[in-house]
Amino acid sequence: MNAFSLQRLSVSPTVKRPSNPKQGPCENQYYSNINMFPPTPTGESSSHSGNCHCGAVRFSFTLSPPLHEYPTNTCNCSICTKSGYLLVYPFTKDFTIEKGEDVLKDYRFAKRTVRHQFCGECGSSCFIRPPQEGLEGFPPITAVNDFDVEKLILNKVDGRSWAPEYKV
């Protein structure tokens, strides 16, 4: 995906952090208040599979609503910006690691509560695993095998406002 592709995507308004400074991006109350992490399931769904670049890690998941109706989040926080993440949020019951859990490596920063998992063989980002129950690995949509970038509905998230700026 390149900048030209991103310009043609449908983008919703930016969602900003609620005024309560004690709520963080990984608290269920925050997610449910803005109804986007994940969206409310519908009667329709779509199933997807994906993998890291070398194929050592493989996963599958189902989304409802289906991917072409699902708000795919683009965030301006430090790691999402550097990694170019476009994320979806399958429920734990709808997410399976088919292969390679043993080769996954963790990266944590800031409060160290969210696990960013990468393939230990090729270094590809595979999942972002939140601490709350009910949600599983958030796969970067670019690791999914069967998506059409032209059909994504982007939801801009102001992740920079969730916590103090992370600096190296």
N, C-alpha and C. Protein backbone atom coordinates (compact mmCIF):
# COMPACT_ATOMS: atom_id res chain seq x y z
N MET A 1 0.84 -1.16 0.00
CA MET A 1 0.00 0.00 0.00
C MET A 1 0.89 1.23 0.00
N ASN A 2 0.49 2.24 -0.75
CA ASN A 2 1.27 3.46 -0.82
C ASN A 2 0.37 4.66 -0.52
N ALA A 3 0.96 5.85 -0.53
CA ALA A 3 0.20 7.06 -0.20
C ALA A 3 -0.95 7.27 -1.18
N PHE A 4 -0.74 6.94 -2.44
CA PHE A 4 -1.79 7.10 -3.44
C PHE A 4 -2.99 6.22 -3.08
N SER A 5 -2.75 4.98 -2.67
CA SER A 5 -3.83 4.08 -2.28
C SER A 5 -4.58 4.62 -1.08
N LEU A 6 -3.87 5.15 -0.09
CA LEU A 6 -4.50 5.68 1.11
C LEU A 6 -5.37 6.89 0.81
N GLN A 7 -4.98 7.71 -0.16
CA GLN A 7 -5.77 8.89 -0.50
C GLN A 7 -7.14 8.52 -1.02
N ARG A 8 -7.29 7.38 -1.64
CA ARG A 8 -8.55 6.99 -2.25
C ARG A 8 -9.48 6.25 -1.29
N LEU A 9 -9.04 5.97 -0.08
CA LEU A 9 -9.87 5.24 0.87
C LEU A 9 -10.89 6.17 1.52
N SER A 10 -12.01 5.60 1.90
CA SER A 10 -13.03 6.34 2.63
C SER A 10 -12.55 6.50 4.06
N VAL A 11 -12.55 7.73 4.59
CA VAL A 11 -12.04 7.98 5.92
C VAL A 11 -13.10 8.70 6.75
N SER A 12 -13.36 8.16 7.97
CA SER A 12 -14.31 8.79 8.87
C SER A 12 -13.60 9.84 9.71
N PRO A 13 -14.33 10.68 10.43
CA PRO A 13 -13.71 11.70 11.28
C PRO A 13 -12.85 11.08 12.36
N THR A 14 -11.88 11.82 12.83
CA THR A 14 -10.98 11.36 13.89
C THR A 14 -11.74 11.23 15.20
N VAL A 15 -11.49 10.12 15.90
CA VAL A 15 -12.07 9.90 17.22
C VAL A 15 -11.01 10.31 18.23
N LYS A 16 -11.37 11.22 19.12
CA LYS A 16 -10.44 11.70 20.13
C LYS A 16 -10.70 11.02 21.46
N ARG A 17 -9.73 11.07 22.32
CA ARG A 17 -9.81 10.49 23.65
C ARG A 17 -10.90 11.19 24.47
N PRO A 18 -11.64 10.42 25.29
CA PRO A 18 -12.62 11.03 26.20
C PRO A 18 -11.91 11.95 27.19
N SER A 19 -12.65 12.82 27.84
CA SER A 19 -12.05 13.81 28.73
C SER A 19 -11.50 13.22 30.02
N ASN A 20 -11.88 11.99 30.39
CA ASN A 20 -11.39 11.37 31.62
C ASN A 20 -9.93 10.97 31.44
N PRO A 21 -8.96 11.64 32.08
CA PRO A 21 -7.54 11.34 31.87
C PRO A 21 -7.12 9.99 32.44
N LYS A 22 -7.95 9.36 33.29
CA LYS A 22 -7.58 8.07 33.85
C LYS A 22 -7.90 6.92 32.91
N GLN A 23 -8.73 7.16 31.91
CA GLN A 23 -9.07 6.10 30.97
C GLN A 23 -7.99 5.99 29.91
N GLY A 24 -7.54 4.79 29.66
CA GLY A 24 -6.54 4.57 28.63
C GLY A 24 -7.14 3.87 27.44
N PRO A 25 -6.37 3.70 26.37
CA PRO A 25 -6.90 3.10 25.16
C PRO A 25 -7.18 1.62 25.30
N CYS A 26 -6.73 1.00 26.38
CA CYS A 26 -6.91 -0.44 26.52
C CYS A 26 -7.93 -0.79 27.57
N GLU A 27 -8.74 0.16 27.98
CA GLU A 27 -9.78 -0.12 28.96
C GLU A 27 -11.10 -0.32 28.25
N ASN A 28 -11.81 -1.38 28.62
CA ASN A 28 -13.07 -1.70 27.96
C ASN A 28 -14.06 -0.55 27.97
N GLN A 29 -14.13 0.22 29.06
CA GLN A 29 -15.08 1.31 29.13
C GLN A 29 -14.82 2.31 28.01
N TYR A 30 -13.56 2.61 27.75
CA TYR A 30 -13.23 3.55 26.67
C TYR A 30 -13.70 2.99 25.34
N TYR A 31 -13.41 1.74 25.10
CA TYR A 31 -13.79 1.14 23.83
C TYR A 31 -15.30 1.13 23.65
N SER A 32 -16.03 0.73 24.68
CA SER A 32 -17.48 0.65 24.52
C SER A 32 -18.11 2.03 24.41
N ASN A 33 -17.50 3.05 25.02
CA ASN A 33 -18.06 4.39 24.94
C ASN A 33 -18.06 4.93 23.51
N ILE A 34 -17.08 4.57 22.72
CA ILE A 34 -17.00 5.13 21.38
C ILE A 34 -17.43 4.13 20.31
N ASN A 35 -17.82 2.92 20.73
CA ASN A 35 -18.38 1.92 19.82
C ASN A 35 -17.56 1.70 18.56
N MET A 36 -16.26 1.49 18.73
CA MET A 36 -15.46 1.21 17.55
C MET A 36 -14.44 0.11 17.78
N PHE A 37 -14.27 -0.37 18.98
CA PHE A 37 -13.25 -1.37 19.29
C PHE A 37 -13.86 -2.61 19.89
N PRO A 38 -14.39 -3.52 19.24
CA PRO A 38 -14.77 -3.53 17.83
C PRO A 38 -16.17 -2.95 17.65
N PRO A 39 -16.61 -2.81 16.39
CA PRO A 39 -17.97 -2.31 16.16
C PRO A 39 -19.00 -3.37 16.56
N THR A 40 -20.23 -2.97 16.66
CA THR A 40 -21.31 -3.89 17.01
C THR A 40 -21.48 -4.92 15.90
N PRO A 41 -21.45 -6.22 16.24
CA PRO A 41 -21.63 -7.26 15.21
C PRO A 41 -22.99 -7.13 14.52
N THR A 42 -23.01 -7.54 13.27
CA THR A 42 -24.25 -7.56 12.49
C THR A 42 -24.56 -9.00 12.15
N GLY A 43 -25.58 -9.24 11.37
CA GLY A 43 -25.92 -10.60 10.96
C GLY A 43 -24.99 -11.14 9.89
N GLU A 44 -24.15 -10.29 9.32
CA GLU A 44 -23.22 -10.71 8.27
C GLU A 44 -21.81 -10.76 8.82
N SER A 45 -20.98 -11.60 8.20
CA SER A 45 -19.58 -11.70 8.62
C SER A 45 -18.71 -12.05 7.42
N SER A 46 -17.42 -11.93 7.62
CA SER A 46 -16.45 -12.36 6.60
C SER A 46 -15.30 -13.05 7.31
N SER A 47 -14.77 -14.08 6.70
CA SER A 47 -13.65 -14.84 7.27
C SER A 47 -12.39 -14.54 6.48
N HIS A 48 -11.27 -14.47 7.21
CA HIS A 48 -10.00 -14.08 6.59
C HIS A 48 -8.86 -14.91 7.16
N SER A 49 -7.81 -15.01 6.39
CA SER A 49 -6.58 -15.64 6.87
C SER A 49 -5.43 -14.71 6.54
N GLY A 50 -4.36 -14.88 7.27
CA GLY A 50 -3.19 -14.05 7.05
C GLY A 50 -1.95 -14.72 7.56
N ASN A 51 -0.83 -14.08 7.32
CA ASN A 51 0.45 -14.64 7.74
C ASN A 51 1.52 -13.56 7.75
N CYS A 52 2.62 -13.89 8.40
CA CYS A 52 3.78 -13.01 8.35
C CYS A 52 4.42 -13.15 6.96
N HIS A 53 5.46 -12.41 6.70
CA HIS A 53 6.09 -12.43 5.38
C HIS A 53 6.65 -13.80 5.01
N CYS A 54 7.28 -14.49 5.97
CA CYS A 54 7.91 -15.79 5.66
C CYS A 54 6.95 -16.97 5.82
N GLY A 55 5.76 -16.76 6.39
CA GLY A 55 4.78 -17.83 6.55
C GLY A 55 4.95 -18.65 7.81
N ALA A 56 5.91 -18.30 8.67
CA ALA A 56 6.11 -19.05 9.92
C ALA A 56 4.93 -18.87 10.87
N VAL A 57 4.25 -17.71 10.78
CA VAL A 57 3.07 -17.43 11.60
C VAL A 57 1.86 -17.31 10.68
N ARG A 58 0.83 -18.10 10.98
CA ARG A 58 -0.41 -18.06 10.20
C ARG A 58 -1.58 -17.94 11.16
N PHE A 59 -2.60 -17.19 10.75
CA PHE A 59 -3.76 -16.96 11.60
C PHE A 59 -5.01 -16.84 10.75
N SER A 60 -6.16 -16.97 11.42
CA SER A 60 -7.44 -16.77 10.74
C SER A 60 -8.40 -16.10 11.73
N PHE A 61 -9.39 -15.40 11.18
CA PHE A 61 -10.37 -14.73 12.02
C PHE A 61 -11.63 -14.44 11.21
N THR A 62 -12.69 -14.17 11.95
CA THR A 62 -13.96 -13.77 11.35
C THR A 62 -14.34 -12.42 11.92
N LEU A 63 -14.87 -11.56 11.07
CA LEU A 63 -15.31 -10.22 11.48
C LEU A 63 -16.79 -10.05 11.20
N SER A 64 -17.45 -9.36 12.09
CA SER A 64 -18.82 -8.93 11.85
C SER A 64 -18.93 -7.52 12.40
N PRO A 65 -19.30 -6.57 11.53
CA PRO A 65 -19.70 -6.70 10.14
C PRO A 65 -18.54 -7.17 9.26
N PRO A 66 -18.85 -7.58 8.01
CA PRO A 66 -17.79 -8.03 7.11
C PRO A 66 -16.77 -6.92 6.84
N LEU A 67 -15.58 -7.32 6.43
CA LEU A 67 -14.47 -6.39 6.26
C LEU A 67 -14.83 -5.18 5.39
N HIS A 68 -15.58 -5.36 4.32
CA HIS A 68 -15.91 -4.22 3.46
C HIS A 68 -16.84 -3.21 4.13
N GLU A 69 -17.43 -3.58 5.29
CA GLU A 69 -18.28 -2.66 6.06
C GLU A 69 -17.66 -2.32 7.42
N TYR A 70 -16.55 -2.92 7.75
CA TYR A 70 -15.93 -2.82 9.06
C TYR A 70 -15.04 -1.58 9.12
N PRO A 71 -15.12 -0.77 10.18
CA PRO A 71 -14.21 0.38 10.28
C PRO A 71 -12.79 -0.09 10.59
N THR A 72 -11.91 0.04 9.64
CA THR A 72 -10.51 -0.32 9.81
C THR A 72 -9.79 0.89 10.38
N ASN A 73 -9.18 0.72 11.55
CA ASN A 73 -8.61 1.88 12.24
C ASN A 73 -7.20 2.21 11.77
N THR A 74 -7.00 3.49 11.57
CA THR A 74 -5.67 4.04 11.33
C THR A 74 -5.42 5.02 12.46
N CYS A 75 -4.32 4.86 13.14
CA CYS A 75 -4.06 5.59 14.38
C CYS A 75 -2.79 6.43 14.21
N ASN A 76 -2.75 7.55 14.91
CA ASN A 76 -1.58 8.43 14.82
C ASN A 76 -0.64 8.31 16.02
N CYS A 77 -0.78 7.25 16.83
CA CYS A 77 0.16 7.06 17.95
C CYS A 77 1.54 6.71 17.39
N SER A 78 2.53 6.69 18.25
CA SER A 78 3.91 6.51 17.78
C SER A 78 4.13 5.19 17.05
N ILE A 79 3.66 4.08 17.59
CA ILE A 79 3.95 2.80 16.94
C ILE A 79 3.11 2.58 15.69
N CYS A 80 1.85 3.01 15.72
CA CYS A 80 1.01 2.85 14.53
C CYS A 80 1.53 3.71 13.38
N THR A 81 1.99 4.92 13.70
CA THR A 81 2.54 5.80 12.67
C THR A 81 3.81 5.19 12.07
N LYS A 82 4.73 4.75 12.90
CA LYS A 82 5.98 4.18 12.40
C LYS A 82 5.77 2.89 11.62
N SER A 83 4.75 2.11 12.03
CA SER A 83 4.51 0.81 11.40
C SER A 83 3.49 0.87 10.27
N GLY A 84 2.77 1.97 10.14
CA GLY A 84 1.75 2.08 9.10
C GLY A 84 0.57 1.15 9.32
N TYR A 85 0.23 0.91 10.59
CA TYR A 85 -0.83 -0.04 10.90
C TYR A 85 -2.20 0.41 10.40
N LEU A 86 -2.95 -0.54 9.89
CA LEU A 86 -4.39 -0.46 9.64
C LEU A 86 -4.94 -1.66 10.37
N LEU A 87 -5.78 -1.45 11.38
CA LEU A 87 -6.14 -2.53 12.30
C LEU A 87 -7.63 -2.84 12.33
N VAL A 88 -7.92 -4.13 12.52
CA VAL A 88 -9.27 -4.62 12.80
C VAL A 88 -9.22 -5.34 14.13
N TYR A 89 -10.40 -5.60 14.74
CA TYR A 89 -10.46 -6.09 16.11
C TYR A 89 -11.36 -7.31 16.25
N PRO A 90 -10.88 -8.49 15.89
CA PRO A 90 -11.70 -9.69 16.06
C PRO A 90 -11.85 -10.05 17.54
N PHE A 91 -12.99 -10.64 17.88
CA PHE A 91 -13.20 -11.16 19.22
C PHE A 91 -12.35 -12.42 19.40
N THR A 92 -12.00 -12.73 20.65
CA THR A 92 -11.20 -13.91 20.96
C THR A 92 -11.81 -15.18 20.36
N LYS A 93 -13.11 -15.33 20.47
CA LYS A 93 -13.78 -16.53 19.97
C LYS A 93 -13.69 -16.66 18.45
N ASP A 94 -13.38 -15.56 17.76
CA ASP A 94 -13.33 -15.56 16.29
C ASP A 94 -11.92 -15.49 15.73
N PHE A 95 -10.91 -15.68 16.58
CA PHE A 95 -9.51 -15.51 16.18
C PHE A 95 -8.71 -16.77 16.52
N THR A 96 -7.95 -17.28 15.57
CA THR A 96 -7.14 -18.49 15.79
C THR A 96 -5.75 -18.30 15.22
N ILE A 97 -4.74 -18.64 16.02
CA ILE A 97 -3.38 -18.72 15.48
C ILE A 97 -3.23 -20.15 14.98
N GLU A 98 -3.10 -20.30 13.69
CA GLU A 98 -3.02 -21.62 13.06
C GLU A 98 -1.62 -22.24 13.21
N LYS A 99 -0.62 -21.39 13.20
CA LYS A 99 0.77 -21.89 13.20
C LYS A 99 1.69 -20.77 13.68
N GLY A 100 2.72 -21.14 14.44
CA GLY A 100 3.81 -20.22 14.73
C GLY A 100 3.76 -19.46 16.03
N GLU A 101 2.85 -19.83 16.94
CA GLU A 101 2.83 -19.11 18.21
C GLU A 101 4.18 -19.21 18.92
N ASP A 102 4.89 -20.30 18.69
CA ASP A 102 6.19 -20.51 19.33
C ASP A 102 7.30 -19.61 18.77
N VAL A 103 7.11 -19.00 17.60
CA VAL A 103 8.15 -18.13 17.03
C VAL A 103 7.84 -16.64 17.26
N LEU A 104 6.69 -16.34 17.86
CA LEU A 104 6.33 -14.94 18.09
C LEU A 104 7.21 -14.31 19.16
N LYS A 105 7.58 -13.08 18.93
CA LYS A 105 8.36 -12.29 19.89
C LYS A 105 7.53 -11.08 20.29
N ASP A 106 7.65 -10.67 21.54
CA ASP A 106 6.90 -9.53 22.06
C ASP A 106 7.72 -8.26 22.07
N TYR A 107 7.03 -7.15 21.86
CA TYR A 107 7.60 -5.83 22.06
C TYR A 107 6.57 -5.04 22.85
N ARG A 108 6.99 -4.42 23.93
CA ARG A 108 6.11 -3.60 24.76
C ARG A 108 6.81 -2.26 25.01
N PHE A 109 6.02 -1.21 25.12
CA PHE A 109 6.60 0.09 25.40
C PHE A 109 5.64 0.88 26.28
N ALA A 110 6.05 2.06 26.69
CA ALA A 110 5.26 2.95 27.54
C ALA A 110 4.81 2.20 28.80
N LYS A 111 3.51 1.97 28.97
CA LYS A 111 3.01 1.30 30.18
C LYS A 111 3.24 -0.21 30.14
N ARG A 112 3.65 -0.74 29.02
CA ARG A 112 4.02 -2.15 28.85
C ARG A 112 2.85 -3.11 29.05
N THR A 113 1.63 -2.67 28.80
CA THR A 113 0.47 -3.54 28.98
C THR A 113 0.02 -4.19 27.68
N VAL A 114 0.33 -3.58 26.55
CA VAL A 114 -0.09 -4.11 25.25
C VAL A 114 1.09 -4.85 24.62
N ARG A 115 0.83 -6.07 24.17
CA ARG A 115 1.87 -6.89 23.54
C ARG A 115 1.81 -6.71 22.02
N HIS A 116 2.86 -6.17 21.45
CA HIS A 116 3.00 -6.09 20.00
C HIS A 116 3.82 -7.31 19.61
N GLN A 117 3.24 -8.20 18.81
CA GLN A 117 3.92 -9.45 18.51
C GLN A 117 4.40 -9.49 17.06
N PHE A 118 5.63 -9.95 16.91
CA PHE A 118 6.32 -10.01 15.63
C PHE A 118 6.82 -11.42 15.39
N CYS A 119 6.95 -11.80 14.13
CA CYS A 119 7.54 -13.09 13.79
C CYS A 119 9.02 -13.04 14.14
N GLY A 120 9.48 -14.04 14.88
CA GLY A 120 10.88 -14.12 15.27
C GLY A 120 11.78 -14.52 14.12
N GLU A 121 11.22 -14.95 13.01
CA GLU A 121 12.00 -15.35 11.83
C GLU A 121 12.20 -14.18 10.86
N CYS A 122 11.11 -13.54 10.45
CA CYS A 122 11.21 -12.48 9.42
C CYS A 122 11.00 -11.08 9.96
N GLY A 123 10.51 -10.94 11.19
CA GLY A 123 10.33 -9.63 11.80
C GLY A 123 9.02 -8.94 11.46
N SER A 124 8.14 -9.58 10.69
CA SER A 124 6.86 -8.96 10.35
C SER A 124 5.98 -8.80 11.58
N SER A 125 5.26 -7.68 11.62
CA SER A 125 4.28 -7.49 12.69
C SER A 125 3.11 -8.43 12.44
N CYS A 126 2.71 -9.15 13.48
CA CYS A 126 1.63 -10.13 13.34
C CYS A 126 0.37 -9.72 14.08
N PHE A 127 0.48 -9.26 15.32
CA PHE A 127 -0.68 -8.93 16.13
C PHE A 127 -0.33 -7.86 17.15
N ILE A 128 -1.36 -7.19 17.58
CA ILE A 128 -1.29 -6.36 18.77
C ILE A 128 -2.27 -7.00 19.73
N ARG A 129 -1.78 -7.41 20.89
CA ARG A 129 -2.63 -8.12 21.84
C ARG A 129 -2.91 -7.25 23.05
N PRO A 130 -4.18 -6.86 23.20
CA PRO A 130 -4.57 -5.99 24.31
C PRO A 130 -4.71 -6.78 25.60
N PRO A 131 -4.69 -6.09 26.74
CA PRO A 131 -4.83 -6.79 28.02
C PRO A 131 -6.26 -7.15 28.37
N GLN A 132 -7.26 -6.56 27.74
CA GLN A 132 -8.64 -6.82 28.15
C GLN A 132 -9.16 -8.14 27.60
N GLU A 133 -10.06 -8.74 28.35
CA GLU A 133 -10.66 -10.01 27.95
C GLU A 133 -11.67 -9.78 26.83
N GLY A 134 -11.82 -10.78 26.00
CA GLY A 134 -12.82 -10.74 24.94
C GLY A 134 -12.28 -10.31 23.59
N LEU A 135 -11.14 -9.62 23.59
CA LEU A 135 -10.52 -9.23 22.33
C LEU A 135 -9.19 -9.94 22.23
N GLU A 136 -8.86 -10.38 21.03
CA GLU A 136 -7.64 -11.13 20.80
C GLU A 136 -6.67 -10.28 20.01
N GLY A 137 -5.79 -10.92 19.28
CA GLY A 137 -4.79 -10.21 18.50
C GLY A 137 -5.41 -9.32 17.46
N PHE A 138 -4.98 -8.08 17.43
CA PHE A 138 -5.43 -7.17 16.39
C PHE A 138 -4.45 -7.32 15.23
N PRO A 139 -4.84 -7.98 14.16
CA PRO A 139 -3.90 -8.15 13.05
C PRO A 139 -3.83 -6.89 12.18
N PRO A 140 -2.62 -6.49 11.78
CA PRO A 140 -2.54 -5.43 10.78
C PRO A 140 -3.21 -5.94 9.50
N ILE A 141 -4.08 -5.18 8.93
CA ILE A 141 -4.85 -5.64 7.77
C ILE A 141 -3.93 -5.97 6.60
N THR A 142 -2.76 -5.39 6.57
CA THR A 142 -1.82 -5.67 5.48
C THR A 142 -1.23 -7.08 5.58
N ALA A 143 -1.41 -7.77 6.72
CA ALA A 143 -0.97 -9.16 6.85
C ALA A 143 -2.05 -10.15 6.41
N VAL A 144 -3.24 -9.62 6.09
CA VAL A 144 -4.35 -10.47 5.66
C VAL A 144 -4.20 -10.77 4.18
N ASN A 145 -4.48 -12.01 3.80
CA ASN A 145 -4.25 -12.45 2.42
C ASN A 145 -5.28 -11.98 1.41
N ASP A 146 -6.48 -11.67 1.84
CA ASP A 146 -7.56 -11.47 0.88
C ASP A 146 -8.29 -10.14 1.04
N PHE A 147 -7.57 -9.06 1.27
CA PHE A 147 -8.26 -7.77 1.42
C PHE A 147 -8.03 -6.92 0.18
N ASP A 148 -8.98 -6.03 -0.07
CA ASP A 148 -8.88 -5.10 -1.18
C ASP A 148 -8.80 -3.70 -0.58
N VAL A 149 -7.64 -3.07 -0.67
CA VAL A 149 -7.42 -1.77 -0.06
C VAL A 149 -8.44 -0.74 -0.54
N GLU A 150 -8.94 -0.89 -1.74
CA GLU A 150 -9.92 0.05 -2.29
C GLU A 150 -11.26 -0.01 -1.57
N LYS A 151 -11.55 -1.13 -0.90
CA LYS A 151 -12.84 -1.30 -0.24
C LYS A 151 -12.81 -1.03 1.26
N LEU A 152 -11.65 -0.69 1.81
CA LEU A 152 -11.55 -0.43 3.24
C LEU A 152 -12.23 0.89 3.61
N ILE A 153 -12.86 0.89 4.76
CA ILE A 153 -13.42 2.10 5.34
C ILE A 153 -12.50 2.46 6.50
N LEU A 154 -11.74 3.53 6.36
CA LEU A 154 -10.79 3.92 7.39
C LEU A 154 -11.44 4.79 8.45
N ASN A 155 -11.10 4.48 9.68
CA ASN A 155 -11.56 5.23 10.84
C ASN A 155 -10.33 5.83 11.50
N LYS A 156 -10.20 7.14 11.45
CA LYS A 156 -9.02 7.80 12.03
C LYS A 156 -9.16 7.86 13.55
N VAL A 157 -8.11 7.41 14.25
CA VAL A 157 -8.10 7.40 15.71
C VAL A 157 -6.95 8.28 16.19
N ASP A 158 -7.24 9.17 17.13
CA ASP A 158 -6.22 10.06 17.67
C ASP A 158 -5.53 9.40 18.85
N GLY A 159 -4.69 8.41 18.58
CA GLY A 159 -3.98 7.69 19.62
C GLY A 159 -2.95 8.53 20.35
N ARG A 160 -2.48 9.60 19.74
CA ARG A 160 -1.50 10.48 20.41
C ARG A 160 -2.09 11.11 21.67
N SER A 161 -3.39 11.25 21.73
CA SER A 161 -4.02 11.89 22.90
C SER A 161 -4.28 10.90 24.03
N TRP A 162 -3.99 9.61 23.82
CA TRP A 162 -4.29 8.60 24.84
C TRP A 162 -3.32 8.59 26.00
N ALA A 163 -2.11 9.02 25.78
CA ALA A 163 -1.08 8.95 26.82
C ALA A 163 -0.02 9.99 26.52
N PRO A 164 0.87 10.23 27.47
CA PRO A 164 1.97 11.15 27.18
C PRO A 164 2.77 10.64 25.98
N GLU A 165 3.36 11.56 25.26
CA GLU A 165 4.13 11.20 24.07
C GLU A 165 5.23 10.21 24.44
N TYR A 166 5.36 9.16 23.65
CA TYR A 166 6.42 8.17 23.88
C TYR A 166 7.65 8.63 23.12
N LYS A 167 8.76 8.73 23.85
CA LYS A 167 10.03 9.16 23.24
C LYS A 167 11.09 8.13 23.52
N VAL A 168 11.97 7.97 22.58
CA VAL A 168 13.08 7.04 22.72
C VAL A 168 14.25 7.73 23.39
